[in-house]
Amino acid sequence: FARGSAPTRPCDHRTLRWPRLAGR
């Protein structure tokens, strides 16, 4: 990343889970 543009919030995988999408 360019200095100052890196993400700051950590990943919480429990709230960002979704099934693999296929087709539509």
PDBML (XML) file of the C-alpha atoms, coordinates in Angstrom:
<?xml version="1.0" encoding="UTF-8" ?>
<PDBx:datablock datablockName="MODEL"
   xmlns:PDBx="http://pdbml.pdb.org/schema/pdbx-v50.xsd"
   xmlns:xsi="http://www.w3.org/2001/XMLSchema-instance"
   xsi:schemaLocation="http://pdbml.pdb.org/schema/pdbx-v50.xsd pdbx-v50.xsd">
   <PDBx:atom_siteCategory>
      <PDBx:atom_site id="1">
         <PDBx:B_iso_or_equiv>0.00</PDBx:B_iso_or_equiv>
         <PDBx:Cartn_x>0.000</PDBx:Cartn_x>
         <PDBx:Cartn_y>0.000</PDBx:Cartn_y>
         <PDBx:Cartn_z>0.000</PDBx:Cartn_z>
         <PDBx:auth_asym_id>A</PDBx:auth_asym_id>
         <PDBx:auth_atom_id>CA</PDBx:auth_atom_id>
         <PDBx:auth_comp_id>PHE</PDBx:auth_comp_id>
         <PDBx:auth_seq_id>1</PDBx:auth_seq_id>
         <PDBx:group_PDB>ATOM</PDBx:group_PDB>
         <PDBx:label_alt_id xsi:nil="true" />
         <PDBx:label_asym_id>A</PDBx:label_asym_id>
         <PDBx:label_atom_id>CA</PDBx:label_atom_id>
         <PDBx:label_comp_id>PHE</PDBx:label_comp_id>
         <PDBx:label_entity_id>1</PDBx:label_entity_id>
         <PDBx:label_seq_id>1</PDBx:label_seq_id>
         <PDBx:occupancy>1.00</PDBx:occupancy>
         <PDBx:pdbx_PDB_model_num>1</PDBx:pdbx_PDB_model_num>
         <PDBx:type_symbol>C</PDBx:type_symbol>
      </PDBx:atom_site>
      <PDBx:atom_site id="2">
         <PDBx:B_iso_or_equiv>0.00</PDBx:B_iso_or_equiv>
         <PDBx:Cartn_x>0.975</PDBx:Cartn_x>
         <PDBx:Cartn_y>3.604</PDBx:Cartn_y>
         <PDBx:Cartn_z>-0.409</PDBx:Cartn_z>
         <PDBx:auth_asym_id>A</PDBx:auth_asym_id>
         <PDBx:auth_atom_id>CA</PDBx:auth_atom_id>
         <PDBx:auth_comp_id>ALA</PDBx:auth_comp_id>
         <PDBx:auth_seq_id>2</PDBx:auth_seq_id>
         <PDBx:group_PDB>ATOM</PDBx:group_PDB>
         <PDBx:label_alt_id xsi:nil="true" />
         <PDBx:label_asym_id>A</PDBx:label_asym_id>
         <PDBx:label_atom_id>CA</PDBx:label_atom_id>
         <PDBx:label_comp_id>ALA</PDBx:label_comp_id>
         <PDBx:label_entity_id>1</PDBx:label_entity_id>
         <PDBx:label_seq_id>2</PDBx:label_seq_id>
         <PDBx:occupancy>1.00</PDBx:occupancy>
         <PDBx:pdbx_PDB_model_num>1</PDBx:pdbx_PDB_model_num>
         <PDBx:type_symbol>C</PDBx:type_symbol>
      </PDBx:atom_site>
      <PDBx:atom_site id="3">
         <PDBx:B_iso_or_equiv>0.00</PDBx:B_iso_or_equiv>
         <PDBx:Cartn_x>1.814</PDBx:Cartn_x>
         <PDBx:Cartn_y>4.945</PDBx:Cartn_y>
         <PDBx:Cartn_z>3.038</PDBx:Cartn_z>
         <PDBx:auth_asym_id>A</PDBx:auth_asym_id>
         <PDBx:auth_atom_id>CA</PDBx:auth_atom_id>
         <PDBx:auth_comp_id>ARG</PDBx:auth_comp_id>
         <PDBx:auth_seq_id>3</PDBx:auth_seq_id>
         <PDBx:group_PDB>ATOM</PDBx:group_PDB>
         <PDBx:label_alt_id xsi:nil="true" />
         <PDBx:label_asym_id>A</PDBx:label_asym_id>
         <PDBx:label_atom_id>CA</PDBx:label_atom_id>
         <PDBx:label_comp_id>ARG</PDBx:label_comp_id>
         <PDBx:label_entity_id>1</PDBx:label_entity_id>
         <PDBx:label_seq_id>3</PDBx:label_seq_id>
         <PDBx:occupancy>1.00</PDBx:occupancy>
         <PDBx:pdbx_PDB_model_num>1</PDBx:pdbx_PDB_model_num>
         <PDBx:type_symbol>C</PDBx:type_symbol>
      </PDBx:atom_site>
      <PDBx:atom_site id="4">
         <PDBx:B_iso_or_equiv>0.00</PDBx:B_iso_or_equiv>
         <PDBx:Cartn_x>-1.354</PDBx:Cartn_x>
         <PDBx:Cartn_y>6.132</PDBx:Cartn_y>
         <PDBx:Cartn_z>4.735</PDBx:Cartn_z>
         <PDBx:auth_asym_id>A</PDBx:auth_asym_id>
         <PDBx:auth_atom_id>CA</PDBx:auth_atom_id>
         <PDBx:auth_comp_id>GLY</PDBx:auth_comp_id>
         <PDBx:auth_seq_id>4</PDBx:auth_seq_id>
         <PDBx:group_PDB>ATOM</PDBx:group_PDB>
         <PDBx:label_alt_id xsi:nil="true" />
         <PDBx:label_asym_id>A</PDBx:label_asym_id>
         <PDBx:label_atom_id>CA</PDBx:label_atom_id>
         <PDBx:label_comp_id>GLY</PDBx:label_comp_id>
         <PDBx:label_entity_id>1</PDBx:label_entity_id>
         <PDBx:label_seq_id>4</PDBx:label_seq_id>
         <PDBx:occupancy>1.00</PDBx:occupancy>
         <PDBx:pdbx_PDB_model_num>1</PDBx:pdbx_PDB_model_num>
         <PDBx:type_symbol>C</PDBx:type_symbol>
      </PDBx:atom_site>
      <PDBx:atom_site id="5">
         <PDBx:B_iso_or_equiv>0.00</PDBx:B_iso_or_equiv>
         <PDBx:Cartn_x>-3.736</PDBx:Cartn_x>
         <PDBx:Cartn_y>4.157</PDBx:Cartn_y>
         <PDBx:Cartn_z>2.519</PDBx:Cartn_z>
         <PDBx:auth_asym_id>A</PDBx:auth_asym_id>
         <PDBx:auth_atom_id>CA</PDBx:auth_atom_id>
         <PDBx:auth_comp_id>SER</PDBx:auth_comp_id>
         <PDBx:auth_seq_id>5</PDBx:auth_seq_id>
         <PDBx:group_PDB>ATOM</PDBx:group_PDB>
         <PDBx:label_alt_id xsi:nil="true" />
         <PDBx:label_asym_id>A</PDBx:label_asym_id>
         <PDBx:label_atom_id>CA</PDBx:label_atom_id>
         <PDBx:label_comp_id>SER</PDBx:label_comp_id>
         <PDBx:label_entity_id>1</PDBx:label_entity_id>
         <PDBx:label_seq_id>5</PDBx:label_seq_id>
         <PDBx:occupancy>1.00</PDBx:occupancy>
         <PDBx:pdbx_PDB_model_num>1</PDBx:pdbx_PDB_model_num>
         <PDBx:type_symbol>C</PDBx:type_symbol>
      </PDBx:atom_site>
      <PDBx:atom_site id="6">
         <PDBx:B_iso_or_equiv>0.00</PDBx:B_iso_or_equiv>
         <PDBx:Cartn_x>-3.574</PDBx:Cartn_x>
         <PDBx:Cartn_y>0.772</PDBx:Cartn_y>
         <PDBx:Cartn_z>4.275</PDBx:Cartn_z>
         <PDBx:auth_asym_id>A</PDBx:auth_asym_id>
         <PDBx:auth_atom_id>CA</PDBx:auth_atom_id>
         <PDBx:auth_comp_id>ALA</PDBx:auth_comp_id>
         <PDBx:auth_seq_id>6</PDBx:auth_seq_id>
         <PDBx:group_PDB>ATOM</PDBx:group_PDB>
         <PDBx:label_alt_id xsi:nil="true" />
         <PDBx:label_asym_id>A</PDBx:label_asym_id>
         <PDBx:label_atom_id>CA</PDBx:label_atom_id>
         <PDBx:label_comp_id>ALA</PDBx:label_comp_id>
         <PDBx:label_entity_id>1</PDBx:label_entity_id>
         <PDBx:label_seq_id>6</PDBx:label_seq_id>
         <PDBx:occupancy>1.00</PDBx:occupancy>
         <PDBx:pdbx_PDB_model_num>1</PDBx:pdbx_PDB_model_num>
         <PDBx:type_symbol>C</PDBx:type_symbol>
      </PDBx:atom_site>
      <PDBx:atom_site id="7">
         <PDBx:B_iso_or_equiv>0.00</PDBx:B_iso_or_equiv>
         <PDBx:Cartn_x>-6.739</PDBx:Cartn_x>
         <PDBx:Cartn_y>-0.623</PDBx:Cartn_y>
         <PDBx:Cartn_z>5.929</PDBx:Cartn_z>
         <PDBx:auth_asym_id>A</PDBx:auth_asym_id>
         <PDBx:auth_atom_id>CA</PDBx:auth_atom_id>
         <PDBx:auth_comp_id>PRO</PDBx:auth_comp_id>
         <PDBx:auth_seq_id>7</PDBx:auth_seq_id>
         <PDBx:group_PDB>ATOM</PDBx:group_PDB>
         <PDBx:label_alt_id xsi:nil="true" />
         <PDBx:label_asym_id>A</PDBx:label_asym_id>
         <PDBx:label_atom_id>CA</PDBx:label_atom_id>
         <PDBx:label_comp_id>PRO</PDBx:label_comp_id>
         <PDBx:label_entity_id>1</PDBx:label_entity_id>
         <PDBx:label_seq_id>7</PDBx:label_seq_id>
         <PDBx:occupancy>1.00</PDBx:occupancy>
         <PDBx:pdbx_PDB_model_num>1</PDBx:pdbx_PDB_model_num>
         <PDBx:type_symbol>C</PDBx:type_symbol>
      </PDBx:atom_site>
      <PDBx:atom_site id="8">
         <PDBx:B_iso_or_equiv>0.00</PDBx:B_iso_or_equiv>
         <PDBx:Cartn_x>-7.067</PDBx:Cartn_x>
         <PDBx:Cartn_y>-0.049</PDBx:Cartn_y>
         <PDBx:Cartn_z>9.667</PDBx:Cartn_z>
         <PDBx:auth_asym_id>A</PDBx:auth_asym_id>
         <PDBx:auth_atom_id>CA</PDBx:auth_atom_id>
         <PDBx:auth_comp_id>THR</PDBx:auth_comp_id>
         <PDBx:auth_seq_id>8</PDBx:auth_seq_id>
         <PDBx:group_PDB>ATOM</PDBx:group_PDB>
         <PDBx:label_alt_id xsi:nil="true" />
         <PDBx:label_asym_id>A</PDBx:label_asym_id>
         <PDBx:label_atom_id>CA</PDBx:label_atom_id>
         <PDBx:label_comp_id>THR</PDBx:label_comp_id>
         <PDBx:label_entity_id>1</PDBx:label_entity_id>
         <PDBx:label_seq_id>8</PDBx:label_seq_id>
         <PDBx:occupancy>1.00</PDBx:occupancy>
         <PDBx:pdbx_PDB_model_num>1</PDBx:pdbx_PDB_model_num>
         <PDBx:type_symbol>C</PDBx:type_symbol>
      </PDBx:atom_site>
      <PDBx:atom_site id="9">
         <PDBx:B_iso_or_equiv>0.00</PDBx:B_iso_or_equiv>
         <PDBx:Cartn_x>-10.084</PDBx:Cartn_x>
         <PDBx:Cartn_y>-2.156</PDBx:Cartn_y>
         <PDBx:Cartn_z>10.731</PDBx:Cartn_z>
         <PDBx:auth_asym_id>A</PDBx:auth_asym_id>
         <PDBx:auth_atom_id>CA</PDBx:auth_atom_id>
         <PDBx:auth_comp_id>ARG</PDBx:auth_comp_id>
         <PDBx:auth_seq_id>9</PDBx:auth_seq_id>
         <PDBx:group_PDB>ATOM</PDBx:group_PDB>
         <PDBx:label_alt_id xsi:nil="true" />
         <PDBx:label_asym_id>A</PDBx:label_asym_id>
         <PDBx:label_atom_id>CA</PDBx:label_atom_id>
         <PDBx:label_comp_id>ARG</PDBx:label_comp_id>
         <PDBx:label_entity_id>1</PDBx:label_entity_id>
         <PDBx:label_seq_id>9</PDBx:label_seq_id>
         <PDBx:occupancy>1.00</PDBx:occupancy>
         <PDBx:pdbx_PDB_model_num>1</PDBx:pdbx_PDB_model_num>
         <PDBx:type_symbol>C</PDBx:type_symbol>
      </PDBx:atom_site>
      <PDBx:atom_site id="10">
         <PDBx:B_iso_or_equiv>0.00</PDBx:B_iso_or_equiv>
         <PDBx:Cartn_x>-9.329</PDBx:Cartn_x>
         <PDBx:Cartn_y>-5.822</PDBx:Cartn_y>
         <PDBx:Cartn_z>11.479</PDBx:Cartn_z>
         <PDBx:auth_asym_id>A</PDBx:auth_asym_id>
         <PDBx:auth_atom_id>CA</PDBx:auth_atom_id>
         <PDBx:auth_comp_id>PRO</PDBx:auth_comp_id>
         <PDBx:auth_seq_id>10</PDBx:auth_seq_id>
         <PDBx:group_PDB>ATOM</PDBx:group_PDB>
         <PDBx:label_alt_id xsi:nil="true" />
         <PDBx:label_asym_id>A</PDBx:label_asym_id>
         <PDBx:label_atom_id>CA</PDBx:label_atom_id>
         <PDBx:label_comp_id>PRO</PDBx:label_comp_id>
         <PDBx:label_entity_id>1</PDBx:label_entity_id>
         <PDBx:label_seq_id>10</PDBx:label_seq_id>
         <PDBx:occupancy>1.00</PDBx:occupancy>
         <PDBx:pdbx_PDB_model_num>1</PDBx:pdbx_PDB_model_num>
         <PDBx:type_symbol>C</PDBx:type_symbol>
      </PDBx:atom_site>
      <PDBx:atom_site id="11">
         <PDBx:B_iso_or_equiv>0.00</PDBx:B_iso_or_equiv>
         <PDBx:Cartn_x>-11.270</PDBx:Cartn_x>
         <PDBx:Cartn_y>-8.641</PDBx:Cartn_y>
         <PDBx:Cartn_z>9.887</PDBx:Cartn_z>
         <PDBx:auth_asym_id>A</PDBx:auth_asym_id>
         <PDBx:auth_atom_id>CA</PDBx:auth_atom_id>
         <PDBx:auth_comp_id>CYS</PDBx:auth_comp_id>
         <PDBx:auth_seq_id>11</PDBx:auth_seq_id>
         <PDBx:group_PDB>ATOM</PDBx:group_PDB>
         <PDBx:label_alt_id xsi:nil="true" />
         <PDBx:label_asym_id>A</PDBx:label_asym_id>
         <PDBx:label_atom_id>CA</PDBx:label_atom_id>
         <PDBx:label_comp_id>CYS</PDBx:label_comp_id>
         <PDBx:label_entity_id>1</PDBx:label_entity_id>
         <PDBx:label_seq_id>11</PDBx:label_seq_id>
         <PDBx:occupancy>1.00</PDBx:occupancy>
         <PDBx:pdbx_PDB_model_num>1</PDBx:pdbx_PDB_model_num>
         <PDBx:type_symbol>C</PDBx:type_symbol>
      </PDBx:atom_site>
      <PDBx:atom_site id="12">
         <PDBx:B_iso_or_equiv>0.00</PDBx:B_iso_or_equiv>
         <PDBx:Cartn_x>-14.010</PDBx:Cartn_x>
         <PDBx:Cartn_y>-10.292</PDBx:Cartn_y>
         <PDBx:Cartn_z>11.948</PDBx:Cartn_z>
         <PDBx:auth_asym_id>A</PDBx:auth_asym_id>
         <PDBx:auth_atom_id>CA</PDBx:auth_atom_id>
         <PDBx:auth_comp_id>ASP</PDBx:auth_comp_id>
         <PDBx:auth_seq_id>12</PDBx:auth_seq_id>
         <PDBx:group_PDB>ATOM</PDBx:group_PDB>
         <PDBx:label_alt_id xsi:nil="true" />
         <PDBx:label_asym_id>A</PDBx:label_asym_id>
         <PDBx:label_atom_id>CA</PDBx:label_atom_id>
         <PDBx:label_comp_id>ASP</PDBx:label_comp_id>
         <PDBx:label_entity_id>1</PDBx:label_entity_id>
         <PDBx:label_seq_id>12</PDBx:label_seq_id>
         <PDBx:occupancy>1.00</PDBx:occupancy>
         <PDBx:pdbx_PDB_model_num>1</PDBx:pdbx_PDB_model_num>
         <PDBx:type_symbol>C</PDBx:type_symbol>
      </PDBx:atom_site>
      <PDBx:atom_site id="13">
         <PDBx:B_iso_or_equiv>0.00</PDBx:B_iso_or_equiv>
         <PDBx:Cartn_x>-14.683</PDBx:Cartn_x>
         <PDBx:Cartn_y>-13.379</PDBx:Cartn_y>
         <PDBx:Cartn_z>9.847</PDBx:Cartn_z>
         <PDBx:auth_asym_id>A</PDBx:auth_asym_id>
         <PDBx:auth_atom_id>CA</PDBx:auth_atom_id>
         <PDBx:auth_comp_id>HIS</PDBx:auth_comp_id>
         <PDBx:auth_seq_id>13</PDBx:auth_seq_id>
         <PDBx:group_PDB>ATOM</PDBx:group_PDB>
         <PDBx:label_alt_id xsi:nil="true" />
         <PDBx:label_asym_id>A</PDBx:label_asym_id>
         <PDBx:label_atom_id>CA</PDBx:label_atom_id>
         <PDBx:label_comp_id>HIS</PDBx:label_comp_id>
         <PDBx:label_entity_id>1</PDBx:label_entity_id>
         <PDBx:label_seq_id>13</PDBx:label_seq_id>
         <PDBx:occupancy>1.00</PDBx:occupancy>
         <PDBx:pdbx_PDB_model_num>1</PDBx:pdbx_PDB_model_num>
         <PDBx:type_symbol>C</PDBx:type_symbol>
      </PDBx:atom_site>
      <PDBx:atom_site id="14">
         <PDBx:B_iso_or_equiv>0.00</PDBx:B_iso_or_equiv>
         <PDBx:Cartn_x>-17.731</PDBx:Cartn_x>
         <PDBx:Cartn_y>-14.359</PDBx:Cartn_y>
         <PDBx:Cartn_z>11.952</PDBx:Cartn_z>
         <PDBx:auth_asym_id>A</PDBx:auth_asym_id>
         <PDBx:auth_atom_id>CA</PDBx:auth_atom_id>
         <PDBx:auth_comp_id>ARG</PDBx:auth_comp_id>
         <PDBx:auth_seq_id>14</PDBx:auth_seq_id>
         <PDBx:group_PDB>ATOM</PDBx:group_PDB>
         <PDBx:label_alt_id xsi:nil="true" />
         <PDBx:label_asym_id>A</PDBx:label_asym_id>
         <PDBx:label_atom_id>CA</PDBx:label_atom_id>
         <PDBx:label_comp_id>ARG</PDBx:label_comp_id>
         <PDBx:label_entity_id>1</PDBx:label_entity_id>
         <PDBx:label_seq_id>14</PDBx:label_seq_id>
         <PDBx:occupancy>1.00</PDBx:occupancy>
         <PDBx:pdbx_PDB_model_num>1</PDBx:pdbx_PDB_model_num>
         <PDBx:type_symbol>C</PDBx:type_symbol>
      </PDBx:atom_site>
      <PDBx:atom_site id="15">
         <PDBx:B_iso_or_equiv>0.00</PDBx:B_iso_or_equiv>
         <PDBx:Cartn_x>-19.738</PDBx:Cartn_x>
         <PDBx:Cartn_y>-11.364</PDBx:Cartn_y>
         <PDBx:Cartn_z>10.704</PDBx:Cartn_z>
         <PDBx:auth_asym_id>A</PDBx:auth_asym_id>
         <PDBx:auth_atom_id>CA</PDBx:auth_atom_id>
         <PDBx:auth_comp_id>THR</PDBx:auth_comp_id>
         <PDBx:auth_seq_id>15</PDBx:auth_seq_id>
         <PDBx:group_PDB>ATOM</PDBx:group_PDB>
         <PDBx:label_alt_id xsi:nil="true" />
         <PDBx:label_asym_id>A</PDBx:label_asym_id>
         <PDBx:label_atom_id>CA</PDBx:label_atom_id>
         <PDBx:label_comp_id>THR</PDBx:label_comp_id>
         <PDBx:label_entity_id>1</PDBx:label_entity_id>
         <PDBx:label_seq_id>15</PDBx:label_seq_id>
         <PDBx:occupancy>1.00</PDBx:occupancy>
         <PDBx:pdbx_PDB_model_num>1</PDBx:pdbx_PDB_model_num>
         <PDBx:type_symbol>C</PDBx:type_symbol>
      </PDBx:atom_site>
      <PDBx:atom_site id="16">
         <PDBx:B_iso_or_equiv>0.00</PDBx:B_iso_or_equiv>
         <PDBx:Cartn_x>-18.453</PDBx:Cartn_x>
         <PDBx:Cartn_y>-11.473</PDBx:Cartn_y>
         <PDBx:Cartn_z>7.123</PDBx:Cartn_z>
         <PDBx:auth_asym_id>A</PDBx:auth_asym_id>
         <PDBx:auth_atom_id>CA</PDBx:auth_atom_id>
         <PDBx:auth_comp_id>LEU</PDBx:auth_comp_id>
         <PDBx:auth_seq_id>16</PDBx:auth_seq_id>
         <PDBx:group_PDB>ATOM</PDBx:group_PDB>
         <PDBx:label_alt_id xsi:nil="true" />
         <PDBx:label_asym_id>A</PDBx:label_asym_id>
         <PDBx:label_atom_id>CA</PDBx:label_atom_id>
         <PDBx:label_comp_id>LEU</PDBx:label_comp_id>
         <PDBx:label_entity_id>1</PDBx:label_entity_id>
         <PDBx:label_seq_id>16</PDBx:label_seq_id>
         <PDBx:occupancy>1.00</PDBx:occupancy>
         <PDBx:pdbx_PDB_model_num>1</PDBx:pdbx_PDB_model_num>
         <PDBx:type_symbol>C</PDBx:type_symbol>
      </PDBx:atom_site>
      <PDBx:atom_site id="17">
         <PDBx:B_iso_or_equiv>0.00</PDBx:B_iso_or_equiv>
         <PDBx:Cartn_x>-19.252</PDBx:Cartn_x>
         <PDBx:Cartn_y>-15.048</PDBx:Cartn_y>
         <PDBx:Cartn_z>6.206</PDBx:Cartn_z>
         <PDBx:auth_asym_id>A</PDBx:auth_asym_id>
         <PDBx:auth_atom_id>CA</PDBx:auth_atom_id>
         <PDBx:auth_comp_id>ARG</PDBx:auth_comp_id>
         <PDBx:auth_seq_id>17</PDBx:auth_seq_id>
         <PDBx:group_PDB>ATOM</PDBx:group_PDB>
         <PDBx:label_alt_id xsi:nil="true" />
         <PDBx:label_asym_id>A</PDBx:label_asym_id>
         <PDBx:label_atom_id>CA</PDBx:label_atom_id>
         <PDBx:label_comp_id>ARG</PDBx:label_comp_id>
         <PDBx:label_entity_id>1</PDBx:label_entity_id>
         <PDBx:label_seq_id>17</PDBx:label_seq_id>
         <PDBx:occupancy>1.00</PDBx:occupancy>
         <PDBx:pdbx_PDB_model_num>1</PDBx:pdbx_PDB_model_num>
         <PDBx:type_symbol>C</PDBx:type_symbol>
      </PDBx:atom_site>
      <PDBx:atom_site id="18">
         <PDBx:B_iso_or_equiv>0.00</PDBx:B_iso_or_equiv>
         <PDBx:Cartn_x>-21.308</PDBx:Cartn_x>
         <PDBx:Cartn_y>-15.708</PDBx:Cartn_y>
         <PDBx:Cartn_z>3.068</PDBx:Cartn_z>
         <PDBx:auth_asym_id>A</PDBx:auth_asym_id>
         <PDBx:auth_atom_id>CA</PDBx:auth_atom_id>
         <PDBx:auth_comp_id>TRP</PDBx:auth_comp_id>
         <PDBx:auth_seq_id>18</PDBx:auth_seq_id>
         <PDBx:group_PDB>ATOM</PDBx:group_PDB>
         <PDBx:label_alt_id xsi:nil="true" />
         <PDBx:label_asym_id>A</PDBx:label_asym_id>
         <PDBx:label_atom_id>CA</PDBx:label_atom_id>
         <PDBx:label_comp_id>TRP</PDBx:label_comp_id>
         <PDBx:label_entity_id>1</PDBx:label_entity_id>
         <PDBx:label_seq_id>18</PDBx:label_seq_id>
         <PDBx:occupancy>1.00</PDBx:occupancy>
         <PDBx:pdbx_PDB_model_num>1</PDBx:pdbx_PDB_model_num>
         <PDBx:type_symbol>C</PDBx:type_symbol>
      </PDBx:atom_site>
      <PDBx:atom_site id="19">
         <PDBx:B_iso_or_equiv>0.00</PDBx:B_iso_or_equiv>
         <PDBx:Cartn_x>-21.894</PDBx:Cartn_x>
         <PDBx:Cartn_y>-18.774</PDBx:Cartn_y>
         <PDBx:Cartn_z>0.918</PDBx:Cartn_z>
         <PDBx:auth_asym_id>A</PDBx:auth_asym_id>
         <PDBx:auth_atom_id>CA</PDBx:auth_atom_id>
         <PDBx:auth_comp_id>PRO</PDBx:auth_comp_id>
         <PDBx:auth_seq_id>19</PDBx:auth_seq_id>
         <PDBx:group_PDB>ATOM</PDBx:group_PDB>
         <PDBx:label_alt_id xsi:nil="true" />
         <PDBx:label_asym_id>A</PDBx:label_asym_id>
         <PDBx:label_atom_id>CA</PDBx:label_atom_id>
         <PDBx:label_comp_id>PRO</PDBx:label_comp_id>
         <PDBx:label_entity_id>1</PDBx:label_entity_id>
         <PDBx:label_seq_id>19</PDBx:label_seq_id>
         <PDBx:occupancy>1.00</PDBx:occupancy>
         <PDBx:pdbx_PDB_model_num>1</PDBx:pdbx_PDB_model_num>
         <PDBx:type_symbol>C</PDBx:type_symbol>
      </PDBx:atom_site>
      <PDBx:atom_site id="20">
         <PDBx:B_iso_or_equiv>0.00</PDBx:B_iso_or_equiv>
         <PDBx:Cartn_x>-19.981</PDBx:Cartn_x>
         <PDBx:Cartn_y>-19.230</PDBx:Cartn_y>
         <PDBx:Cartn_z>-2.339</PDBx:Cartn_z>
         <PDBx:auth_asym_id>A</PDBx:auth_asym_id>
         <PDBx:auth_atom_id>CA</PDBx:auth_atom_id>
         <PDBx:auth_comp_id>ARG</PDBx:auth_comp_id>
         <PDBx:auth_seq_id>20</PDBx:auth_seq_id>
         <PDBx:group_PDB>ATOM</PDBx:group_PDB>
         <PDBx:label_alt_id xsi:nil="true" />
         <PDBx:label_asym_id>A</PDBx:label_asym_id>
         <PDBx:label_atom_id>CA</PDBx:label_atom_id>
         <PDBx:label_comp_id>ARG</PDBx:label_comp_id>
         <PDBx:label_entity_id>1</PDBx:label_entity_id>
         <PDBx:label_seq_id>20</PDBx:label_seq_id>
         <PDBx:occupancy>1.00</PDBx:occupancy>
         <PDBx:pdbx_PDB_model_num>1</PDBx:pdbx_PDB_model_num>
         <PDBx:type_symbol>C</PDBx:type_symbol>
      </PDBx:atom_site>
      <PDBx:atom_site id="21">
         <PDBx:B_iso_or_equiv>0.00</PDBx:B_iso_or_equiv>
         <PDBx:Cartn_x>-22.173</PDBx:Cartn_x>
         <PDBx:Cartn_y>-17.796</PDBx:Cartn_y>
         <PDBx:Cartn_z>-5.056</PDBx:Cartn_z>
         <PDBx:auth_asym_id>A</PDBx:auth_asym_id>
         <PDBx:auth_atom_id>CA</PDBx:auth_atom_id>
         <PDBx:auth_comp_id>LEU</PDBx:auth_comp_id>
         <PDBx:auth_seq_id>21</PDBx:auth_seq_id>
         <PDBx:group_PDB>ATOM</PDBx:group_PDB>
         <PDBx:label_alt_id xsi:nil="true" />
         <PDBx:label_asym_id>A</PDBx:label_asym_id>
         <PDBx:label_atom_id>CA</PDBx:label_atom_id>
         <PDBx:label_comp_id>LEU</PDBx:label_comp_id>
         <PDBx:label_entity_id>1</PDBx:label_entity_id>
         <PDBx:label_seq_id>21</PDBx:label_seq_id>
         <PDBx:occupancy>1.00</PDBx:occupancy>
         <PDBx:pdbx_PDB_model_num>1</PDBx:pdbx_PDB_model_num>
         <PDBx:type_symbol>C</PDBx:type_symbol>
      </PDBx:atom_site>
      <PDBx:atom_site id="22">
         <PDBx:B_iso_or_equiv>0.00</PDBx:B_iso_or_equiv>
         <PDBx:Cartn_x>-22.828</PDBx:Cartn_x>
         <PDBx:Cartn_y>-19.563</PDBx:Cartn_y>
         <PDBx:Cartn_z>-8.325</PDBx:Cartn_z>
         <PDBx:auth_asym_id>A</PDBx:auth_asym_id>
         <PDBx:auth_atom_id>CA</PDBx:auth_atom_id>
         <PDBx:auth_comp_id>ALA</PDBx:auth_comp_id>
         <PDBx:auth_seq_id>22</PDBx:auth_seq_id>
         <PDBx:group_PDB>ATOM</PDBx:group_PDB>
         <PDBx:label_alt_id xsi:nil="true" />
         <PDBx:label_asym_id>A</PDBx:label_asym_id>
         <PDBx:label_atom_id>CA</PDBx:label_atom_id>
         <PDBx:label_comp_id>ALA</PDBx:label_comp_id>
         <PDBx:label_entity_id>1</PDBx:label_entity_id>
         <PDBx:label_seq_id>22</PDBx:label_seq_id>
         <PDBx:occupancy>1.00</PDBx:occupancy>
         <PDBx:pdbx_PDB_model_num>1</PDBx:pdbx_PDB_model_num>
         <PDBx:type_symbol>C</PDBx:type_symbol>
      </PDBx:atom_site>
      <PDBx:atom_site id="23">
         <PDBx:B_iso_or_equiv>0.00</PDBx:B_iso_or_equiv>
         <PDBx:Cartn_x>-24.953</PDBx:Cartn_x>
         <PDBx:Cartn_y>-18.582</PDBx:Cartn_y>
         <PDBx:Cartn_z>-11.288</PDBx:Cartn_z>
         <PDBx:auth_asym_id>A</PDBx:auth_asym_id>
         <PDBx:auth_atom_id>CA</PDBx:auth_atom_id>
         <PDBx:auth_comp_id>GLY</PDBx:auth_comp_id>
         <PDBx:auth_seq_id>23</PDBx:auth_seq_id>
         <PDBx:group_PDB>ATOM</PDBx:group_PDB>
         <PDBx:label_alt_id xsi:nil="true" />
         <PDBx:label_asym_id>A</PDBx:label_asym_id>
         <PDBx:label_atom_id>CA</PDBx:label_atom_id>
         <PDBx:label_comp_id>GLY</PDBx:label_comp_id>
         <PDBx:label_entity_id>1</PDBx:label_entity_id>
         <PDBx:label_seq_id>23</PDBx:label_seq_id>
         <PDBx:occupancy>1.00</PDBx:occupancy>
         <PDBx:pdbx_PDB_model_num>1</PDBx:pdbx_PDB_model_num>
         <PDBx:type_symbol>C</PDBx:type_symbol>
      </PDBx:atom_site>
      <PDBx:atom_site id="24">
         <PDBx:B_iso_or_equiv>0.00</PDBx:B_iso_or_equiv>
         <PDBx:Cartn_x>-26.929</PDBx:Cartn_x>
         <PDBx:Cartn_y>-15.536</PDBx:Cartn_y>
         <PDBx:Cartn_z>-10.174</PDBx:Cartn_z>
         <PDBx:auth_asym_id>A</PDBx:auth_asym_id>
         <PDBx:auth_atom_id>CA</PDBx:auth_atom_id>
         <PDBx:auth_comp_id>ARG</PDBx:auth_comp_id>
         <PDBx:auth_seq_id>24</PDBx:auth_seq_id>
         <PDBx:group_PDB>ATOM</PDBx:group_PDB>
         <PDBx:label_alt_id xsi:nil="true" />
         <PDBx:label_asym_id>A</PDBx:label_asym_id>
         <PDBx:label_atom_id>CA</PDBx:label_atom_id>
         <PDBx:label_comp_id>ARG</PDBx:label_comp_id>
         <PDBx:label_entity_id>1</PDBx:label_entity_id>
         <PDBx:label_seq_id>24</PDBx:label_seq_id>
         <PDBx:occupancy>1.00</PDBx:occupancy>
         <PDBx:pdbx_PDB_model_num>1</PDBx:pdbx_PDB_model_num>
         <PDBx:type_symbol>C</PDBx:type_symbol>
      </PDBx:atom_site>
   </PDBx:atom_siteCategory>
</PDBx:datablock>
